[in-house]
């Protein structure tokens, strides 16, 4: 099973760990089903049967789901831009330097990771 992650996740937590033997990581199927059900009902996700396993379905975003994701990212980007607007250009550079330092040295802290 391939692990995917966003650029932001990779920047914050580093690359995902390599796949190992044993059960796949992540929540149990029943939890995924419970989380997916209202999203399917809302038209955000769609379920497609998997041909090789009658018990499994593939979840994918609908067009409405893709729009929801784009709108959510746009809104978050606008919030972040508003936060940064109160900083001078020099303060913005210092903030970026400090965040990079924290990310680079995160192994020295008790940071919850992916594994």
C-alpha atoms as a PDB file:
ATOM      1  CA  UNK A   1       0.000   0.000   0.000  1.00  0.00           C
ATOM      2  CA  UNK A   2       1.495   3.329  -1.002  1.00  0.00           C
ATOM      3  CA  UNK A   3       1.583   6.149   1.499  1.00  0.00           C
ATOM      4  CA  UNK A   4       0.750   9.598   0.211  1.00  0.00           C
ATOM      5  CA  UNK A   5       1.225  12.900   1.975  1.00  0.00           C
ATOM      6  CA  UNK A   6       0.924  16.544   1.173  1.00  0.00           C
ATOM      7  CA  UNK A   7       3.810  18.963   0.844  1.00  0.00           C
ATOM      8  CA  UNK A   8       2.753  20.595   4.115  1.00  0.00           C
ATOM      9  CA  UNK A   9       2.779  17.241   5.923  1.00  0.00           C
ATOM     10  CA  UNK A  10       6.224  16.447   4.560  1.00  0.00           C
ATOM     11  CA  UNK A  11       7.491  19.881   5.601  1.00  0.00           C
ATOM     12  CA  UNK A  12       6.108  19.516   9.127  1.00  0.00           C
ATOM     13  CA  UNK A  13       6.732  15.854   9.898  1.00  0.00           C
ATOM     14  CA  UNK A  14       9.206  14.703   7.297  1.00  0.00           C
ATOM     15  CA  UNK A  15       8.695  11.935   4.790  1.00  0.00           C
ATOM     16  CA  UNK A  16       6.452   9.041   5.768  1.00  0.00           C
ATOM     17  CA  UNK A  17       8.151   5.896   7.034  1.00  0.00           C
ATOM     18  CA  UNK A  18       8.760   3.124   4.487  1.00  0.00           C
ATOM     19  CA  UNK A  19       6.119   0.399   4.276  1.00  0.00           C
ATOM     20  CA  UNK A  20       6.671  -2.599   6.542  1.00  0.00           C
ATOM     21  CA  UNK A  21       5.257  -6.088   6.684  1.00  0.00           C
ATOM     22  CA  UNK A  22       2.135  -6.731   8.690  1.00  0.00           C
ATOM     23  CA  UNK A  23      -1.192  -4.949   8.709  1.00  0.00           C
ATOM     24  CA  UNK A  24      -1.367  -1.633   6.888  1.00  0.00           C
ATOM     25  CA  UNK A  25      -1.049   1.480   9.039  1.00  0.00           C
ATOM     26  CA  UNK A  26      -4.026   3.665   9.714  1.00  0.00           C
ATOM     27  CA  UNK A  27      -7.420   3.360  11.310  1.00  0.00           C
ATOM     28  CA  UNK A  28      -9.375   0.106  11.257  1.00  0.00           C
ATOM     29  CA  UNK A  29     -11.799  -0.394   8.346  1.00  0.00           C
ATOM     30  CA  UNK A  30     -14.853   0.130  10.575  1.00  0.00           C
ATOM     31  CA  UNK A  31     -13.552   3.556  11.624  1.00  0.00           C
ATOM     32  CA  UNK A  32     -12.937   4.549   8.002  1.00  0.00           C
ATOM     33  CA  UNK A  33     -16.422   3.382   7.086  1.00  0.00           C
ATOM     34  CA  UNK A  34     -17.978   5.422   9.918  1.00  0.00           C
ATOM     35  CA  UNK A  35     -16.033   8.516   8.878  1.00  0.00           C
ATOM     36  CA  UNK A  36     -16.760   8.067   5.173  1.00  0.00           C
ATOM     37  CA  UNK A  37     -20.506   7.462   5.458  1.00  0.00           C
ATOM     38  CA  UNK A  38     -21.573  11.103   6.070  1.00  0.00           C
ATOM     39  CA  UNK A  39     -19.126  12.295   3.396  1.00  0.00           C
ATOM     40  CA  UNK A  40     -20.641   9.874   0.869  1.00  0.00           C
ATOM     41  CA  UNK A  41     -24.147  11.000   1.878  1.00  0.00           C
ATOM     42  CA  UNK A  42     -23.077  14.650   1.440  1.00  0.00           C
ATOM     43  CA  UNK A  43     -21.737  13.927  -2.048  1.00  0.00           C
ATOM     44  CA  UNK A  44     -18.107  14.656  -1.086  1.00  0.00           C
ATOM     45  CA  UNK A  45     -16.868  11.075  -1.511  1.00  0.00           C
ATOM     46  CA  UNK A  46     -17.990   8.232  -3.713  1.00  0.00           C
ATOM     47  CA  UNK A  47     -17.576   4.508  -3.119  1.00  0.00           C
ATOM     48  CA  UNK A  48     -16.557   2.190  -5.928  1.00  0.00           C
ATOM     49  CA  UNK A  49     -16.468  -1.600  -5.422  1.00  0.00           C
ATOM     50  CA  UNK A  50     -13.013  -3.178  -5.718  1.00  0.00           C
ATOM     51  CA  UNK A  51     -12.986  -6.069  -8.168  1.00  0.00           C
ATOM     52  CA  UNK A  52     -10.473  -8.254  -6.303  1.00  0.00           C
ATOM     53  CA  UNK A  53     -12.187  -8.054  -2.862  1.00  0.00           C
ATOM     54  CA  UNK A  54     -15.960  -8.043  -2.454  1.00  0.00           C
ATOM     55  CA  UNK A  55     -15.624  -6.566   1.063  1.00  0.00           C
ATOM     56  CA  UNK A  56     -13.586  -3.547  -0.033  1.00  0.00           C
ATOM     57  CA  UNK A  57     -14.463  -0.290  -1.718  1.00  0.00           C
ATOM     58  CA  UNK A  58     -12.330   2.471  -3.131  1.00  0.00           C
ATOM     59  CA  UNK A  59     -13.120   5.949  -1.820  1.00  0.00           C
ATOM     60  CA  UNK A  60     -12.545   8.909  -4.096  1.00  0.00           C
ATOM     61  CA  UNK A  61     -13.464  12.557  -4.152  1.00  0.00           C
ATOM     62  CA  UNK A  62     -16.386  13.652  -6.247  1.00  0.00           C
ATOM     63  CA  UNK A  63     -16.255  16.924  -8.189  1.00  0.00           C
ATOM     64  CA  UNK A  64     -18.017  18.530  -5.206  1.00  0.00           C
ATOM     65  CA  UNK A  65     -15.373  16.994  -2.914  1.00  0.00           C
ATOM     66  CA  UNK A  66     -12.544  18.379  -5.027  1.00  0.00           C
ATOM     67  CA  UNK A  67     -14.185  21.813  -4.933  1.00  0.00           C
ATOM     68  CA  UNK A  68     -14.548  21.530  -1.146  1.00  0.00           C
ATOM     69  CA  UNK A  69     -10.838  20.718  -0.790  1.00  0.00           C
ATOM     70  CA  UNK A  70      -9.812  23.606  -3.062  1.00  0.00           C
ATOM     71  CA  UNK A  71     -12.092  26.009  -1.181  1.00  0.00           C
ATOM     72  CA  UNK A  72     -10.753  24.813   2.179  1.00  0.00           C
ATOM     73  CA  UNK A  73      -7.129  25.293   1.096  1.00  0.00           C
ATOM     74  CA  UNK A  74      -7.956  28.704  -0.368  1.00  0.00           C
ATOM     75  CA  UNK A  75      -9.599  29.781   2.908  1.00  0.00           C
ATOM     76  CA  UNK A  76      -6.649  28.494   4.955  1.00  0.00           C
ATOM     77  CA  UNK A  77      -4.180  30.305   2.680  1.00  0.00           C
ATOM     78  CA  UNK A  78      -6.165  33.528   3.124  1.00  0.00           C
ATOM     79  CA  UNK A  79      -6.072  33.121   6.921  1.00  0.00           C
ATOM     80  CA  UNK A  80      -2.321  32.534   6.875  1.00  0.00           C
ATOM     81  CA  UNK A  81      -1.780  35.565   4.622  1.00  0.00           C
ATOM     82  CA  UNK A  82      -3.796  37.688   7.072  1.00  0.00           C
ATOM     83  CA  UNK A  83      -1.665  36.466   9.977  1.00  0.00           C
ATOM     84  CA  UNK A  84       1.565  37.312   8.150  1.00  0.00           C
ATOM     85  CA  UNK A  85       0.356  40.752   6.998  1.00  0.00           C
ATOM     86  CA  UNK A  86       0.884  42.122  10.512  1.00  0.00           C
ATOM     87  CA  UNK A  87       4.610  41.328  10.250  1.00  0.00           C
ATOM     88  CA  UNK A  88       7.193  43.496   8.541  1.00  0.00           C
ATOM     89  CA  UNK A  89       9.244  41.882   5.743  1.00  0.00           C
ATOM     90  CA  UNK A  90      12.156  41.466   8.177  1.00  0.00           C
ATOM     91  CA  UNK A  91       9.886  39.836  10.772  1.00  0.00           C
ATOM     92  CA  UNK A  92       8.546  37.502   8.081  1.00  0.00           C
ATOM     93  CA  UNK A  93      12.105  36.425   7.203  1.00  0.00           C
ATOM     94  CA  UNK A  94      12.886  35.842  10.888  1.00  0.00           C
ATOM     95  CA  UNK A  95       9.698  33.792  11.285  1.00  0.00           C
ATOM     96  CA  UNK A  96      10.629  31.609   8.309  1.00  0.00           C
ATOM     97  CA  UNK A  97      14.157  31.137   9.685  1.00  0.00           C
ATOM     98  CA  UNK A  98      12.808  30.152  13.117  1.00  0.00           C
ATOM     99  CA  UNK A  99      10.239  27.738  11.675  1.00  0.00           C
ATOM    100  CA  UNK A 100      12.906  26.133   9.475  1.00  0.00           C
ATOM    101  CA  UNK A 101      15.144  25.724  12.526  1.00  0.00           C
ATOM    102  CA  UNK A 102      12.351  24.074  14.514  1.00  0.00           C
ATOM    103  CA  UNK A 103      11.495  21.732  11.631  1.00  0.00           C
ATOM    104  CA  UNK A 104      15.143  20.839  11.040  1.00  0.00           C
ATOM    105  CA  UNK A 105      15.743  20.065  14.728  1.00  0.00           C
ATOM    106  CA  UNK A 106      12.384  18.457  15.531  1.00  0.00           C
ATOM    107  CA  UNK A 107      14.086  15.183  16.466  1.00  0.00           C
ATOM    108  CA  UNK A 108      15.423  16.908  19.606  1.00  0.00           C
ATOM    109  CA  UNK A 109      11.883  17.487  20.885  1.00  0.00           C
ATOM    110  CA  UNK A 110       9.123  15.169  21.970  1.00  0.00           C
ATOM    111  CA  UNK A 111       7.256  15.622  18.696  1.00  0.00           C
ATOM    112  CA  UNK A 112       4.528  13.228  17.679  1.00  0.00           C
ATOM    113  CA  UNK A 113       5.537  11.745  14.357  1.00  0.00           C
ATOM    114  CA  UNK A 114       4.067   9.405  11.790  1.00  0.00           C
ATOM    115  CA  UNK A 115       5.379   6.176  13.298  1.00  0.00           C
END
